[in-house]
All heavy atoms as atom14 arrays in JSON, in Angstrom:
{
  "sequence": "RYFIVFAKLLKPEMAPTMAPAHMAYMIALREAGTVIAHGR",
  "atom14_mask": [
    [1, 1, 1, 1, 1, 1, 1, 1, 1, 1, 1, 0, 0, 0],
    [1, 1, 1, 1, 1, 1, 1, 1, 1, 1, 1, 1, 0, 0],
    [1, 1, 1, 1, 1, 1, 1, 1, 1, 1, 1, 0, 0, 0],
    [1, 1, 1, 1, 1, 1, 1, 1, 0, 0, 0, 0, 0, 0],
    [1, 1, 1, 1, 1, 1, 1, 0, 0, 0, 0, 0, 0, 0],
    [1, 1, 1, 1, 1, 1, 1, 1, 1, 1, 1, 0, 0, 0],
    [1, 1, 1, 1, 1, 0, 0, 0, 0, 0, 0, 0, 0, 0],
    [1, 1, 1, 1, 1, 1, 1, 1, 1, 0, 0, 0, 0, 0],
    [1, 1, 1, 1, 1, 1, 1, 1, 0, 0, 0, 0, 0, 0],
    [1, 1, 1, 1, 1, 1, 1, 1, 0, 0, 0, 0, 0, 0],
    [1, 1, 1, 1, 1, 1, 1, 1, 1, 0, 0, 0, 0, 0],
    [1, 1, 1, 1, 1, 1, 1, 0, 0, 0, 0, 0, 0, 0],
    [1, 1, 1, 1, 1, 1, 1, 1, 1, 0, 0, 0, 0, 0],
    [1, 1, 1, 1, 1, 1, 1, 1, 0, 0, 0, 0, 0, 0],
    [1, 1, 1, 1, 1, 0, 0, 0, 0, 0, 0, 0, 0, 0],
    [1, 1, 1, 1, 1, 1, 1, 0, 0, 0, 0, 0, 0, 0],
    [1, 1, 1, 1, 1, 1, 1, 0, 0, 0, 0, 0, 0, 0],
    [1, 1, 1, 1, 1, 1, 1, 1, 0, 0, 0, 0, 0, 0],
    [1, 1, 1, 1, 1, 0, 0, 0, 0, 0, 0, 0, 0, 0],
    [1, 1, 1, 1, 1, 1, 1, 0, 0, 0, 0, 0, 0, 0],
    [1, 1, 1, 1, 1, 0, 0, 0, 0, 0, 0, 0, 0, 0],
    [1, 1, 1, 1, 1, 1, 1, 1, 1, 1, 0, 0, 0, 0],
    [1, 1, 1, 1, 1, 1, 1, 1, 0, 0, 0, 0, 0, 0],
    [1, 1, 1, 1, 1, 0, 0, 0, 0, 0, 0, 0, 0, 0],
    [1, 1, 1, 1, 1, 1, 1, 1, 1, 1, 1, 1, 0, 0],
    [1, 1, 1, 1, 1, 1, 1, 1, 0, 0, 0, 0, 0, 0],
    [1, 1, 1, 1, 1, 1, 1, 1, 0, 0, 0, 0, 0, 0],
    [1, 1, 1, 1, 1, 0, 0, 0, 0, 0, 0, 0, 0, 0],
    [1, 1, 1, 1, 1, 1, 1, 1, 0, 0, 0, 0, 0, 0],
    [1, 1, 1, 1, 1, 1, 1, 1, 1, 1, 1, 0, 0, 0],
    [1, 1, 1, 1, 1, 1, 1, 1, 1, 0, 0, 0, 0, 0],
    [1, 1, 1, 1, 1, 0, 0, 0, 0, 0, 0, 0, 0, 0],
    [1, 1, 1, 1, 0, 0, 0, 0, 0, 0, 0, 0, 0, 0],
    [1, 1, 1, 1, 1, 1, 1, 0, 0, 0, 0, 0, 0, 0],
    [1, 1, 1, 1, 1, 1, 1, 0, 0, 0, 0, 0, 0, 0],
    [1, 1, 1, 1, 1, 1, 1, 1, 0, 0, 0, 0, 0, 0],
    [1, 1, 1, 1, 1, 0, 0, 0, 0, 0, 0, 0, 0, 0],
    [1, 1, 1, 1, 1, 1, 1, 1, 1, 1, 0, 0, 0, 0],
    [1, 1, 1, 1, 0, 0, 0, 0, 0, 0, 0, 0, 0, 0],
    [1, 1, 1, 1, 1, 1, 1, 1, 1, 1, 1, 0, 0, 0]
  ],
  "atom14_positions": [
    [[-180.26, 45.64, -35.61], [-181.01, 45.39, -36.87], [-180.12, 45.3, -38.1], [-179.04, 45.94, -38.01], [-182.1, 46.41, -36.99], [-183.15, 46.27, -35.82], [-183.96, 47.56, -35.6], [-184.7, 48.06, -36.77], [-185.29, 49.24, -36.79], [-185.29, 50.08, -35.72], [-185.94, 49.67, -37.83], [0.0, 0.0, 0.0], [0.0, 0.0, 0.0], [0.0, 0.0, 0.0]],
    [[-180.52, 44.7, -39.11], [-179.77, 44.58, -40.34], [-180.41, 45.31, -41.5], [-181.63, 45.29, -41.56], [-179.55, 43.13, -40.68], [-178.63, 42.44, -39.6], [-179.23, 41.84, -38.49], [-177.25, 42.47, -39.69], [-178.4, 41.26, -37.52], [-176.48, 41.92, -38.67], [-177.09, 41.34, -37.67], [-176.28, 40.73, -36.69], [0.0, 0.0, 0.0], [0.0, 0.0, 0.0]],
    [[-179.63, 45.83, -42.35], [-180.07, 46.68, -43.52], [-179.29, 46.25, -44.76], [-178.08, 46.12, -44.65], [-179.98, 48.14, -43.27], [-180.79, 48.57, -42.0], [-180.13, 48.47, -40.7], [-182.05, 48.99, -42.06], [-180.93, 48.84, -39.6], [-182.85, 49.35, -41.01], [-182.25, 49.27, -39.7], [0.0, 0.0, 0.0], [0.0, 0.0, 0.0], [0.0, 0.0, 0.0]],
    [[-179.96, 46.2, -45.91], [-179.27, 46.04, -47.17], [-179.26, 47.4, -47.84], [-180.27, 48.04, -47.94], [-179.97, 45.01, -48.0], [-180.01, 43.59, -47.4], [-179.35, 45.0, -49.43], [-178.7, 42.86, -47.47], [0.0, 0.0, 0.0], [0.0, 0.0, 0.0], [0.0, 0.0, 0.0], [0.0, 0.0, 0.0], [0.0, 0.0, 0.0], [0.0, 0.0, 0.0]],
    [[-178.15, 47.74, -48.43], [-178.05, 48.94, -49.21], [-177.69, 48.52, -50.71], [-176.63, 47.98, -50.9], [-176.97, 49.95, -48.67], [-176.88, 51.18, -49.58], [-177.37, 50.38, -47.28], [0.0, 0.0, 0.0], [0.0, 0.0, 0.0], [0.0, 0.0, 0.0], [0.0, 0.0, 0.0], [0.0, 0.0, 0.0], [0.0, 0.0, 0.0], [0.0, 0.0, 0.0]],
    [[-178.6, 48.9, -51.66], [-178.31, 48.71, -52.99], [-177.83, 50.15, -53.55], [-178.6, 51.03, -53.46], [-179.51, 48.29, -53.72], [-180.08, 46.94, -53.24], [-181.16, 46.92, -52.32], [-179.55, 45.76, -53.72], [-181.64, 45.69, -51.93], [-180.01, 44.54, -53.29], [-181.05, 44.51, -52.37], [0.0, 0.0, 0.0], [0.0, 0.0, 0.0], [0.0, 0.0, 0.0]],
    [[-176.63, 50.14, -54.07], [-176.09, 51.34, -54.59], [-175.85, 51.28, -56.13], [-174.89, 50.67, -56.58], [-174.75, 51.67, -53.85], [0.0, 0.0, 0.0], [0.0, 0.0, 0.0], [0.0, 0.0, 0.0], [0.0, 0.0, 0.0], [0.0, 0.0, 0.0], [0.0, 0.0, 0.0], [0.0, 0.0, 0.0], [0.0, 0.0, 0.0], [0.0, 0.0, 0.0]],
    [[-176.72, 51.89, -56.83], [-176.72, 51.88, -58.3], [-175.67, 52.87, -58.85], [-175.67, 54.03, -58.46], [-178.09, 52.3, -58.88], [-178.21, 52.18, -60.38], [-179.63, 52.41, -60.85], [-179.72, 52.51, -62.32], [-179.36, 51.34, -63.06], [0.0, 0.0, 0.0], [0.0, 0.0, 0.0], [0.0, 0.0, 0.0], [0.0, 0.0, 0.0], [0.0, 0.0, 0.0]],
    [[-174.82, 52.31, -59.82], [-173.84, 53.22, -60.43], [-174.5, 54.16, -61.41], [-175.17, 53.68, -62.41], [-172.83, 52.31, -61.09], [-171.61, 52.98, -61.75], [-170.82, 53.77, -60.69], [-170.7, 51.84, -62.42], [0.0, 0.0, 0.0], [0.0, 0.0, 0.0], [0.0, 0.0, 0.0], [0.0, 0.0, 0.0], [0.0, 0.0, 0.0], [0.0, 0.0, 0.0]],
    [[-174.28, 55.41, -61.23], [-174.84, 56.44, -62.08], [-173.8, 57.08, -62.97], [-174.1, 57.51, -64.16], [-175.5, 57.55, -61.27], [-176.63, 57.03, -60.27], [-177.11, 58.28, -59.49], [-177.79, 56.45, -61.05], [0.0, 0.0, 0.0], [0.0, 0.0, 0.0], [0.0, 0.0, 0.0], [0.0, 0.0, 0.0], [0.0, 0.0, 0.0], [0.0, 0.0, 0.0]],
    [[-172.63, 57.29, -62.5], [-171.53, 57.92, -63.3], [-170.31, 57.09, -63.34], [-169.36, 57.36, -62.58], [-171.32, 59.35, -62.63], [-172.47, 60.27, -62.61], [-172.08, 61.55, -61.93], [-173.31, 62.53, -61.88], [-173.01, 63.68, -61.1], [0.0, 0.0, 0.0], [0.0, 0.0, 0.0], [0.0, 0.0, 0.0], [0.0, 0.0, 0.0], [0.0, 0.0, 0.0]],
    [[-170.27, 56.06, -64.13], [-169.16, 55.11, -64.06], [-167.79, 55.83, -64.39], [-166.7, 55.39, -63.92], [-169.48, 54.08, -65.12], [-170.58, 54.64, -65.97], [-171.23, 55.65, -65.09], [0.0, 0.0, 0.0], [0.0, 0.0, 0.0], [0.0, 0.0, 0.0], [0.0, 0.0, 0.0], [0.0, 0.0, 0.0], [0.0, 0.0, 0.0], [0.0, 0.0, 0.0]],
    [[-167.82, 56.87, -65.2], [-166.62, 57.56, -65.64], [-165.97, 58.3, -64.38], [-164.74, 58.52, -64.44], [-166.9, 58.64, -66.75], [-167.72, 59.84, -66.25], [-169.2, 59.56, -66.19], [-169.74, 58.54, -66.43], [-169.91, 60.57, -65.82], [0.0, 0.0, 0.0], [0.0, 0.0, 0.0], [0.0, 0.0, 0.0], [0.0, 0.0, 0.0], [0.0, 0.0, 0.0]],
    [[-166.72, 58.62, -63.38], [-166.24, 59.27, -62.18], [-165.76, 58.22, -61.06], [-165.05, 58.64, -60.2], [-167.19, 60.21, -61.57], [-167.45, 61.42, -62.44], [-168.72, 62.55, -61.7], [-167.99, 62.97, -60.24], [0.0, 0.0, 0.0], [0.0, 0.0, 0.0], [0.0, 0.0, 0.0], [0.0, 0.0, 0.0], [0.0, 0.0, 0.0], [0.0, 0.0, 0.0]],
    [[-166.13, 57.02, -61.19], [-165.94, 56.08, -60.13], [-164.41, 55.82, -59.8], [-163.95, 55.86, -58.72], [-166.56, 54.77, -60.43], [0.0, 0.0, 0.0], [0.0, 0.0, 0.0], [0.0, 0.0, 0.0], [0.0, 0.0, 0.0], [0.0, 0.0, 0.0], [0.0, 0.0, 0.0], [0.0, 0.0, 0.0], [0.0, 0.0, 0.0], [0.0, 0.0, 0.0]],
    [[-163.55, 55.71, -60.85], [-162.04, 55.49, -60.52], [-161.49, 56.64, -59.66], [-160.61, 56.36, -58.84], [-161.44, 55.39, -61.9], [-162.55, 54.91, -62.8], [-163.74, 55.63, -62.23], [0.0, 0.0, 0.0], [0.0, 0.0, 0.0], [0.0, 0.0, 0.0], [0.0, 0.0, 0.0], [0.0, 0.0, 0.0], [0.0, 0.0, 0.0], [0.0, 0.0, 0.0]],
    [[-161.96, 57.85, -59.94], [-161.33, 58.96, -59.13], [-161.77, 58.93, -57.69], [-160.81, 59.32, -56.89], [-161.86, 60.35, -59.76], [-161.57, 60.34, -61.2], [-161.32, 61.53, -59.12], [0.0, 0.0, 0.0], [0.0, 0.0, 0.0], [0.0, 0.0, 0.0], [0.0, 0.0, 0.0], [0.0, 0.0, 0.0], [0.0, 0.0, 0.0], [0.0, 0.0, 0.0]],
    [[-162.88, 58.56, -57.39], [-163.38, 58.6, -55.99], [-163.27, 57.2, -55.36], [-163.58, 57.05, -54.14], [-164.82, 59.09, -55.94], [-165.01, 60.44, -56.25], [-163.97, 61.66, -55.35], [-164.67, 61.36, -53.69], [0.0, 0.0, 0.0], [0.0, 0.0, 0.0], [0.0, 0.0, 0.0], [0.0, 0.0, 0.0], [0.0, 0.0, 0.0], [0.0, 0.0, 0.0]],
    [[-162.93, 56.2, -56.07], [-162.81, 54.8, -55.49], [-162.01, 54.75, -54.25], [-162.35, 54.01, -53.36], [-162.4, 53.82, -56.51], [0.0, 0.0, 0.0], [0.0, 0.0, 0.0], [0.0, 0.0, 0.0], [0.0, 0.0, 0.0], [0.0, 0.0, 0.0], [0.0, 0.0, 0.0], [0.0, 0.0, 0.0], [0.0, 0.0, 0.0], [0.0, 0.0, 0.0]],
    [[-160.72, 55.29, -54.2], [-159.92, 55.2, -53.04], [-160.68, 55.82, -51.78], [-160.62, 55.21, -50.7], [-158.67, 55.99, -53.34], [-158.57, 55.9, -54.85], [-159.93, 55.97, -55.3], [0.0, 0.0, 0.0], [0.0, 0.0, 0.0], [0.0, 0.0, 0.0], [0.0, 0.0, 0.0], [0.0, 0.0, 0.0], [0.0, 0.0, 0.0], [0.0, 0.0, 0.0]],
    [[-161.34, 56.96, -51.83], [-162.04, 57.48, -50.75], [-163.19, 56.73, -50.31], [-163.53, 56.49, -49.15], [-162.51, 58.9, -51.09], [0.0, 0.0, 0.0], [0.0, 0.0, 0.0], [0.0, 0.0, 0.0], [0.0, 0.0, 0.0], [0.0, 0.0, 0.0], [0.0, 0.0, 0.0], [0.0, 0.0, 0.0], [0.0, 0.0, 0.0], [0.0, 0.0, 0.0]],
    [[-163.97, 56.15, -51.34], [-165.08, 55.28, -51.09], [-164.63, 54.06, -50.3], [-165.25, 53.65, -49.31], [-165.75, 54.93, -52.39], [-166.68, 53.71, -52.34], [-167.84, 53.85, -51.68], [-166.58, 52.46, -52.72], [-168.51, 52.6, -51.69], [-167.7, 51.76, -52.33], [0.0, 0.0, 0.0], [0.0, 0.0, 0.0], [0.0, 0.0, 0.0], [0.0, 0.0, 0.0]],
    [[-163.55, 53.4, -50.82], [-163.09, 52.17, -50.12], [-162.58, 52.43, -48.78], [-162.87, 51.65, -47.8], [-162.01, 51.47, -51.02], [-162.54, 50.81, -52.25], [-163.88, 49.63, -51.92], [-163.11, 48.51, -50.84], [0.0, 0.0, 0.0], [0.0, 0.0, 0.0], [0.0, 0.0, 0.0], [0.0, 0.0, 0.0], [0.0, 0.0, 0.0], [0.0, 0.0, 0.0]],
    [[-161.93, 53.54, -48.51], [-161.44, 53.92, -47.22], [-162.65, 54.12, -46.23], [-162.63, 53.63, -45.11], [-160.64, 55.17, -47.22], [0.0, 0.0, 0.0], [0.0, 0.0, 0.0], [0.0, 0.0, 0.0], [0.0, 0.0, 0.0], [0.0, 0.0, 0.0], [0.0, 0.0, 0.0], [0.0, 0.0, 0.0], [0.0, 0.0, 0.0], [0.0, 0.0, 0.0]],
    [[-163.67, 54.66, -46.73], [-164.94, 54.92, -45.91], [-165.55, 53.57, -45.57], [-165.9, 53.31, -44.41], [-165.84, 55.79, -46.68], [-167.11, 56.13, -45.81], [-167.09, 56.93, -44.76], [-168.33, 55.66, -46.23], [-168.11, 57.28, -44.0], [-169.48, 55.88, -45.53], [-169.39, 56.7, -44.38], [-170.45, 56.96, -43.62], [0.0, 0.0, 0.0], [0.0, 0.0, 0.0]],
    [[-165.7, 52.7, -46.58], [-166.41, 51.44, -46.39], [-165.5, 50.57, -45.47], [-165.96, 49.77, -44.58], [-166.64, 50.67, -47.73], [-167.6, 51.38, -48.6], [-169.22, 51.75, -47.82], [-169.86, 50.08, -47.59], [0.0, 0.0, 0.0], [0.0, 0.0, 0.0], [0.0, 0.0, 0.0], [0.0, 0.0, 0.0], [0.0, 0.0, 0.0], [0.0, 0.0, 0.0]],
    [[-164.17, 50.55, -45.6], [-163.26, 49.76, -44.74], [-163.4, 50.28, -43.26], [-163.45, 49.38, -42.39], [-161.83, 49.8, -45.2], [-161.71, 48.95, -46.53], [-160.85, 49.28, -44.19], [-160.43, 49.17, -47.3], [0.0, 0.0, 0.0], [0.0, 0.0, 0.0], [0.0, 0.0, 0.0], [0.0, 0.0, 0.0], [0.0, 0.0, 0.0], [0.0, 0.0, 0.0]],
    [[-163.51, 51.54, -43.08], [-163.65, 52.1, -41.8], [-164.94, 51.66, -41.07], [-164.97, 51.28, -39.94], [-163.54, 53.58, -41.78], [0.0, 0.0, 0.0], [0.0, 0.0, 0.0], [0.0, 0.0, 0.0], [0.0, 0.0, 0.0], [0.0, 0.0, 0.0], [0.0, 0.0, 0.0], [0.0, 0.0, 0.0], [0.0, 0.0, 0.0], [0.0, 0.0, 0.0]],
    [[-166.01, 51.62, -41.86], [-167.27, 51.08, -41.4], [-167.27, 49.64, -41.12], [-167.81, 49.16, -40.12], [-168.45, 51.41, -42.36], [-168.81, 52.9, -42.59], [-169.87, 53.1, -43.66], [-169.27, 53.52, -41.23], [0.0, 0.0, 0.0], [0.0, 0.0, 0.0], [0.0, 0.0, 0.0], [0.0, 0.0, 0.0], [0.0, 0.0, 0.0], [0.0, 0.0, 0.0]],
    [[-166.49, 48.88, -42.0], [-166.43, 47.5, -41.75], [-165.63, 47.15, -40.49], [-165.94, 46.36, -39.62], [-165.73, 46.81, -42.9], [-165.85, 45.29, -42.96], [-165.28, 44.67, -44.23], [-163.86, 44.91, -44.23], [-163.17, 45.14, -45.31], [-163.77, 45.3, -46.5], [-161.87, 45.3, -45.32], [0.0, 0.0, 0.0], [0.0, 0.0, 0.0], [0.0, 0.0, 0.0]],
    [[-164.53, 47.92, -40.27], [-163.69, 47.71, -39.11], [-164.42, 48.04, -37.87], [-164.09, 47.48, -36.75], [-162.37, 48.48, -39.28], [-161.41, 47.86, -40.28], [-160.2, 48.67, -40.5], [-160.09, 49.77, -40.1], [-159.3, 48.12, -41.21], [0.0, 0.0, 0.0], [0.0, 0.0, 0.0], [0.0, 0.0, 0.0], [0.0, 0.0, 0.0], [0.0, 0.0, 0.0]],
    [[-165.32, 49.05, -37.89], [-166.13, 49.41, -36.79], [-167.29, 48.41, -36.44], [-167.96, 48.48, -35.43], [-166.71, 50.84, -36.97], [0.0, 0.0, 0.0], [0.0, 0.0, 0.0], [0.0, 0.0, 0.0], [0.0, 0.0, 0.0], [0.0, 0.0, 0.0], [0.0, 0.0, 0.0], [0.0, 0.0, 0.0], [0.0, 0.0, 0.0], [0.0, 0.0, 0.0]],
    [[-167.5, 47.52, -37.38], [-168.55, 46.46, -37.2], [-169.97, 46.99, -37.73], [-170.95, 46.33, -37.53], [0.0, 0.0, 0.0], [0.0, 0.0, 0.0], [0.0, 0.0, 0.0], [0.0, 0.0, 0.0], [0.0, 0.0, 0.0], [0.0, 0.0, 0.0], [0.0, 0.0, 0.0], [0.0, 0.0, 0.0], [0.0, 0.0, 0.0], [0.0, 0.0, 0.0]],
    [[-169.99, 48.17, -38.31], [-171.25, 48.72, -38.87], [-171.68, 48.06, -40.19], [-172.78, 47.85, -40.39], [-171.15, 50.21, -38.88], [-170.8, 50.75, -37.65], [-172.42, 50.82, -39.4], [0.0, 0.0, 0.0], [0.0, 0.0, 0.0], [0.0, 0.0, 0.0], [0.0, 0.0, 0.0], [0.0, 0.0, 0.0], [0.0, 0.0, 0.0], [0.0, 0.0, 0.0]],
    [[-170.72, 47.87, -40.98], [-170.83, 47.2, -42.29], [-170.2, 45.78, -42.06], [-169.12, 45.69, -41.77], [-170.21, 48.0, -43.48], [-170.17, 47.1, -44.68], [-170.93, 49.22, -43.73], [0.0, 0.0, 0.0], [0.0, 0.0, 0.0], [0.0, 0.0, 0.0], [0.0, 0.0, 0.0], [0.0, 0.0, 0.0], [0.0, 0.0, 0.0], [0.0, 0.0, 0.0]],
    [[-171.03, 44.79, -42.31], [-170.58, 43.39, -42.09], [-170.24, 42.76, -43.44], [-169.56, 41.74, -43.49], [-171.57, 42.47, -41.37], [-172.9, 42.42, -42.01], [-171.73, 43.15, -39.89], [-173.81, 41.36, -41.33], [0.0, 0.0, 0.0], [0.0, 0.0, 0.0], [0.0, 0.0, 0.0], [0.0, 0.0, 0.0], [0.0, 0.0, 0.0], [0.0, 0.0, 0.0]],
    [[-170.64, 43.37, -44.53], [-170.22, 42.73, -45.86], [-170.56, 43.91, -46.88], [-171.49, 44.71, -46.76], [-171.07, 41.61, -46.21], [0.0, 0.0, 0.0], [0.0, 0.0, 0.0], [0.0, 0.0, 0.0], [0.0, 0.0, 0.0], [0.0, 0.0, 0.0], [0.0, 0.0, 0.0], [0.0, 0.0, 0.0], [0.0, 0.0, 0.0], [0.0, 0.0, 0.0]],
    [[-169.68, 43.97, -47.89], [-169.9, 44.84, -48.97], [-169.14, 44.47, -50.19], [-168.17, 43.64, -50.09], [-169.58, 46.27, -48.59], [-168.1, 46.57, -48.32], [-167.25, 46.98, -49.29], [-167.38, 46.39, -47.21], [-166.04, 47.11, -48.76], [-166.04, 46.73, -47.48], [0.0, 0.0, 0.0], [0.0, 0.0, 0.0], [0.0, 0.0, 0.0], [0.0, 0.0, 0.0]],
    [[-169.54, 44.98, -51.41], [-168.8, 44.68, -52.55], [-169.57, 45.14, -53.84], [-170.7, 45.3, -53.74], [0.0, 0.0, 0.0], [0.0, 0.0, 0.0], [0.0, 0.0, 0.0], [0.0, 0.0, 0.0], [0.0, 0.0, 0.0], [0.0, 0.0, 0.0], [0.0, 0.0, 0.0], [0.0, 0.0, 0.0], [0.0, 0.0, 0.0], [0.0, 0.0, 0.0]],
    [[-168.83, 45.17, -54.87], [-169.44, 45.6, -56.16], [-170.07, 44.4, -56.8], [-169.58, 43.22, -56.58], [-168.38, 46.27, -57.11], [-167.34, 45.27, -57.63], [-166.28, 46.09, -58.33], [-165.22, 45.18, -58.78], [-165.2, 44.5, -59.93], [-166.16, 44.61, -60.79], [-164.19, 43.7, -60.21], [0.0, 0.0, 0.0], [0.0, 0.0, 0.0], [0.0, 0.0, 0.0]]
  ]
}
């Protein structure tokens, strides 16, 4: 089955600090085939 996730930005000032960890997580899910598309 397919699911859409809408992720609303709540704390933009904190995003740059956690962006590398977030992107590593999303890339791992994409490489596993669990996430088929994502982006800001």
